[in-house]
PDB file of N, CA and C in Angstrom:
ATOM      1  N   MET A   1     104.626  78.548-107.985  1.00  0.00           N
ATOM      2  CA  MET A   1     103.456  78.956-107.271  1.00  0.00           C
ATOM      3  C   MET A   1     102.239  79.027-108.146  1.00  0.00           C
ATOM      4  N   SER A   2     101.062  78.794-107.531  1.00  0.00           N
ATOM      5  CA  SER A   2      99.905  78.830-108.364  1.00  0.00           C
ATOM      6  C   SER A   2      99.222  80.201-108.244  1.00  0.00           C
ATOM      7  N   SER A   3      98.624  80.689-109.285  1.00  0.00           N
ATOM      8  CA  SER A   3      98.040  82.074-109.275  1.00  0.00           C
ATOM      9  C   SER A   3      96.474  81.890-109.237  1.00  0.00           C
ATOM     10  N   LEU A   4      95.961  80.777-108.799  1.00  0.00           N
ATOM     11  CA  LEU A   4      94.551  80.591-108.688  1.00  0.00           C
ATOM     12  C   LEU A   4      93.942  81.396-107.580  1.00  0.00           C
ATOM     13  N   SER A   5      92.767  81.984-107.792  1.00  0.00           N
ATOM     14  CA  SER A   5      92.104  82.746-106.720  1.00  0.00           C
ATOM     15  C   SER A   5      90.724  82.110-106.579  1.00  0.00           C
ATOM     16  N   TYR A   6      90.191  82.321-105.296  1.00  0.00           N
ATOM     17  CA  TYR A   6      88.881  81.665-105.014  1.00  0.00           C
ATOM     18  C   TYR A   6      87.832  82.888-105.161  1.00  0.00           C
ATOM     19  N   ARG A   7      86.771  82.579-105.880  1.00  0.00           N
ATOM     20  CA  ARG A   7      85.672  83.566-105.985  1.00  0.00           C
ATOM     21  C   ARG A   7      84.384  82.870-105.617  1.00  0.00           C
ATOM     22  N   SER A   8      83.679  83.487-104.797  1.00  0.00           N
ATOM     23  CA  SER A   8      82.388  82.921-104.360  1.00  0.00           C
ATOM     24  C   SER A   8      81.268  83.753-105.046  1.00  0.00           C
ATOM     25  N   SER A   9      80.131  83.050-105.131  1.00  0.00           N
ATOM     26  CA  SER A   9      78.945  83.828-105.812  1.00  0.00           C
ATOM     27  C   SER A   9      78.326  84.671-104.787  1.00  0.00           C
ATOM     28  N   ARG A  10      78.461  84.427-103.556  1.00  0.00           N
ATOM     29  CA  ARG A  10      77.837  85.203-102.472  1.00  0.00           C
ATOM     30  C   ARG A  10      78.821  85.973-101.734  1.00  0.00           C
ATOM     31  N   PRO A  11      78.607  87.219-101.257  1.00  0.00           N
ATOM     32  CA  PRO A  11      79.551  87.860-100.438  1.00  0.00           C
ATOM     33  C   PRO A  11      79.577  87.212 -98.975  1.00  0.00           C
ATOM     34  N   ASP A  12      80.710  87.243 -98.349  1.00  0.00           N
ATOM     35  CA  ASP A  12      80.986  86.665 -97.051  1.00  0.00           C
ATOM     36  C   ASP A  12      80.060  87.378 -96.072  1.00  0.00           C
ATOM     37  N   GLY A  13      79.645  86.663 -94.979  1.00  0.00           N
ATOM     38  CA  GLY A  13      78.864  87.205 -93.958  1.00  0.00           C
ATOM     39  C   GLY A  13      79.533  88.329 -93.198  1.00  0.00           C
ATOM     40  N   TRP A  14      80.863  88.221 -93.086  1.00  0.00           N
ATOM     41  CA  TRP A  14      81.616  89.267 -92.356  1.00  0.00           C
ATOM     42  C   TRP A  14      81.687  90.572 -93.200  1.00  0.00           C
ATOM     43  N   VAL A  15      81.685  90.411 -94.512  1.00  0.00           N
ATOM     44  CA  VAL A  15      81.746  91.588 -95.339  1.00  0.00           C
ATOM     45  C   VAL A  15      80.448  92.346 -95.375  1.00  0.00           C
ATOM     46  N   LYS A  16      79.358  91.508 -95.444  1.00  0.00           N
ATOM     47  CA  LYS A  16      78.012  92.092 -95.598  1.00  0.00           C
ATOM     48  C   LYS A  16      77.204  91.593 -94.468  1.00  0.00           C
ATOM     49  N   PRO A  17      77.196  92.214 -93.280  1.00  0.00           N
ATOM     50  CA  PRO A  17      76.499  91.754 -92.064  1.00  0.00           C
ATOM     51  C   PRO A  17      74.961  91.926 -92.240  1.00  0.00           C
ATOM     52  N   LYS A  18      74.197  91.179 -91.447  1.00  0.00           N
ATOM     53  CA  LYS A  18      72.765  91.288 -91.558  1.00  0.00           C
ATOM     54  C   LYS A  18      72.276  92.640 -91.031  1.00  0.00           C
ATOM     55  N   SER A  19      71.143  93.041 -91.602  1.00  0.00           N
ATOM     56  CA  SER A  19      70.631  94.347 -91.181  1.00  0.00           C
ATOM     57  C   SER A  19      70.004  94.268 -89.779  1.00  0.00           C
ATOM     58  N   TYR A  20      69.842  95.342 -89.179  1.00  0.00           N
ATOM     59  CA  TYR A  20      69.427  95.435 -87.820  1.00  0.00           C
ATOM     60  C   TYR A  20      67.957  94.973 -87.772  1.00  0.00           C
ATOM     61  N   SER A  21      67.646  94.202 -86.725  1.00  0.00           N
ATOM     62  CA  SER A  21      66.203  93.877 -86.364  1.00  0.00           C
ATOM     63  C   SER A  21      65.993  94.116 -84.999  1.00  0.00           C
ATOM     64  N   ASP A  22      64.835  94.781 -84.704  1.00  0.00           N
ATOM     65  CA  ASP A  22      64.644  95.135 -83.283  1.00  0.00           C
ATOM     66  C   ASP A  22      64.156  93.949 -82.427  1.00  0.00           C
ATOM     67  N   ALA A  23      64.162  94.131 -81.166  1.00  0.00           N
ATOM     68  CA  ALA A  23      63.942  92.945 -80.207  1.00  0.00           C
ATOM     69  C   ALA A  23      62.570  92.306 -80.449  1.00  0.00           C
ATOM     70  N   SER A  24      61.525  93.045 -80.784  1.00  0.00           N
ATOM     71  CA  SER A  24      60.267  92.400 -81.009  1.00  0.00           C
ATOM     72  C   SER A  24      60.256  91.536 -82.235  1.00  0.00           C
ATOM     73  N   LEU A  25      60.909  91.927 -83.269  1.00  0.00           N
ATOM     74  CA  LEU A  25      61.067  91.036 -84.520  1.00  0.00           C
ATOM     75  C   LEU A  25      61.868  89.764 -84.200  1.00  0.00           C
ATOM     76  N   ARG A  26      62.932  89.937 -83.394  1.00  0.00           N
ATOM     77  CA  ARG A  26      63.710  88.784 -83.001  1.00  0.00           C
ATOM     78  C   ARG A  26      62.932  87.783 -82.148  1.00  0.00           C
ATOM     79  N   TYR A  27      62.131  88.381 -81.224  1.00  0.00           N
ATOM     80  CA  TYR A  27      61.284  87.506 -80.312  1.00  0.00           C
ATOM     81  C   TYR A  27      60.307  86.773 -81.187  1.00  0.00           C
ATOM     82  N   LYS A  28      59.695  87.492 -82.108  1.00  0.00           N
ATOM     83  CA  LYS A  28      58.634  86.827 -82.919  1.00  0.00           C
ATOM     84  C   LYS A  28      59.239  85.690 -83.783  1.00  0.00           C
ATOM     85  N   HIS A  29      60.468  85.897 -84.170  1.00  0.00           N
ATOM     86  CA  HIS A  29      61.107  84.853 -85.030  1.00  0.00           C
ATOM     87  C   HIS A  29      61.693  83.707 -84.263  1.00  0.00           C
ATOM     88  N   HIS A  30      62.386  83.995 -83.135  1.00  0.00           N
ATOM     89  CA  HIS A  30      63.170  82.952 -82.398  1.00  0.00           C
ATOM     90  C   HIS A  30      62.512  82.518 -81.098  1.00  0.00           C
ATOM     91  N   GLY A  31      61.556  83.325 -80.579  1.00  0.00           N
ATOM     92  CA  GLY A  31      60.962  83.017 -79.263  1.00  0.00           C
ATOM     93  C   GLY A  31      61.791  83.604 -78.168  1.00  0.00           C
ATOM     94  N   LYS A  32      61.442  83.306 -76.839  1.00  0.00           N
ATOM     95  CA  LYS A  32      62.013  83.900 -75.748  1.00  0.00           C
ATOM     96  C   LYS A  32      63.490  83.398 -75.554  1.00  0.00           C
ATOM     97  N   ILE A  33      64.284  84.155 -74.895  1.00  0.00           N
ATOM     98  CA  ILE A  33      65.713  83.831 -74.635  1.00  0.00           C
ATOM     99  C   ILE A  33      65.698  82.703 -73.493  1.00  0.00           C
ATOM    100  N   LEU A  34      66.423  81.641 -73.792  1.00  0.00           N
ATOM    101  CA  LEU A  34      66.477  80.493 -72.772  1.00  0.00           C
ATOM    102  C   LEU A  34      67.892  80.439 -72.199  1.00  0.00           C
ATOM    103  N   PRO A  35      68.064  80.047 -70.975  1.00  0.00           N
ATOM    104  CA  PRO A  35      69.446  79.854 -70.376  1.00  0.00           C
ATOM    105  C   PRO A  35      70.142  78.696 -71.057  1.00  0.00           C
ATOM    106  N   MET A  36      71.501  78.789 -71.132  1.00  0.00           N
ATOM    107  CA  MET A  36      72.205  77.718 -71.804  1.00  0.00           C
ATOM    108  C   MET A  36      72.227  76.433 -70.990  1.00  0.00           C
ATOM    109  N   GLU A  37      72.135  76.507 -69.683  1.00  0.00           N
ATOM    110  CA  GLU A  37      72.034  75.347 -68.811  1.00  0.00           C
ATOM    111  C   GLU A  37      70.750  75.293 -68.103  1.00  0.00           C
ATOM    112  N   GLU A  38      70.188  74.128 -68.013  1.00  0.00           N
ATOM    113  CA  GLU A  38      68.958  73.982 -67.225  1.00  0.00           C
ATOM    114  C   GLU A  38      69.258  74.146 -65.761  1.00  0.00           C
ATOM    115  N   PRO A  39      68.354  74.759 -65.025  1.00  0.00           N
ATOM    116  CA  PRO A  39      68.618  74.911 -63.573  1.00  0.00           C
ATOM    117  C   PRO A  39      68.585  73.487 -62.861  1.00  0.00           C
ATOM    118  N   GLY A  40      69.396  73.330 -61.865  1.00  0.00           N
ATOM    119  CA  GLY A  40      69.435  72.059 -61.116  1.00  0.00           C
ATOM    120  C   GLY A  40      68.164  71.881 -60.340  1.00  0.00           C
ATOM    121  N   PHE A  41      68.138  70.677 -59.665  1.00  0.00           N
ATOM    122  CA  PHE A  41      66.897  70.306 -58.952  1.00  0.00           C
ATOM    123  C   PHE A  41      66.615  71.258 -57.798  1.00  0.00           C
ATOM    124  N   LEU A  42      67.658  71.610 -56.995  1.00  0.00           N
ATOM    125  CA  LEU A  42      67.445  72.486 -55.832  1.00  0.00           C
ATOM    126  C   LEU A  42      67.098  73.838 -56.342  1.00  0.00           C
ATOM    127  N   ALA A  43      67.668  74.357 -57.431  1.00  0.00           N
ATOM    128  CA  ALA A  43      67.275  75.709 -57.935  1.00  0.00           C
ATOM    129  C   ALA A  43      65.832  75.719 -58.370  1.00  0.00           C
ATOM    130  N   ARG A  44      65.398  74.655 -59.013  1.00  0.00           N
ATOM    131  CA  ARG A  44      64.011  74.596 -59.382  1.00  0.00           C
ATOM    132  C   ARG A  44      63.097  74.469 -58.164  1.00  0.00           C
ATOM    133  N   LEU A  45      63.499  73.738 -57.148  1.00  0.00           N
ATOM    134  CA  LEU A  45      62.766  73.431 -55.948  1.00  0.00           C
ATOM    135  C   LEU A  45      62.542  74.768 -55.207  1.00  0.00           C
ATOM    136  N   PHE A  46      63.621  75.558 -55.072  1.00  0.00           N
ATOM    137  CA  PHE A  46      63.534  76.743 -54.220  1.00  0.00           C
ATOM    138  C   PHE A  46      63.341  78.055 -55.041  1.00  0.00           C
ATOM    139  N   GLY A  47      63.227  77.902 -56.372  1.00  0.00           N
ATOM    140  CA  GLY A  47      63.002  79.020 -57.198  1.00  0.00           C
ATOM    141  C   GLY A  47      64.170  79.976 -57.345  1.00  0.00           C
ATOM    142  N   ALA A  48      65.398  79.538 -57.163  1.00  0.00           N
ATOM    143  CA  ALA A  48      66.574  80.375 -57.286  1.00  0.00           C
ATOM    144  C   ALA A  48      66.716  80.722 -58.742  1.00  0.00           C
ATOM    145  N   ARG A  49      67.345  81.926 -59.011  1.00  0.00           N
ATOM    146  CA  ARG A  49      67.522  82.336 -60.321  1.00  0.00           C
ATOM    147  C   ARG A  49      69.026  82.393 -60.671  1.00  0.00           C
TER     148      ARG A  49
END
């Protein structure tokens, strides 16, 4: 068996999560939240949500 180990220069994202950012900062950085699917023709026509 090999006794090699993997070492990274940066800590893993799971080990060191990102710091908290409030909603206004996220909005400023990423913009408004968009739906994953575009509404269909009838939904747009009748304004369904």
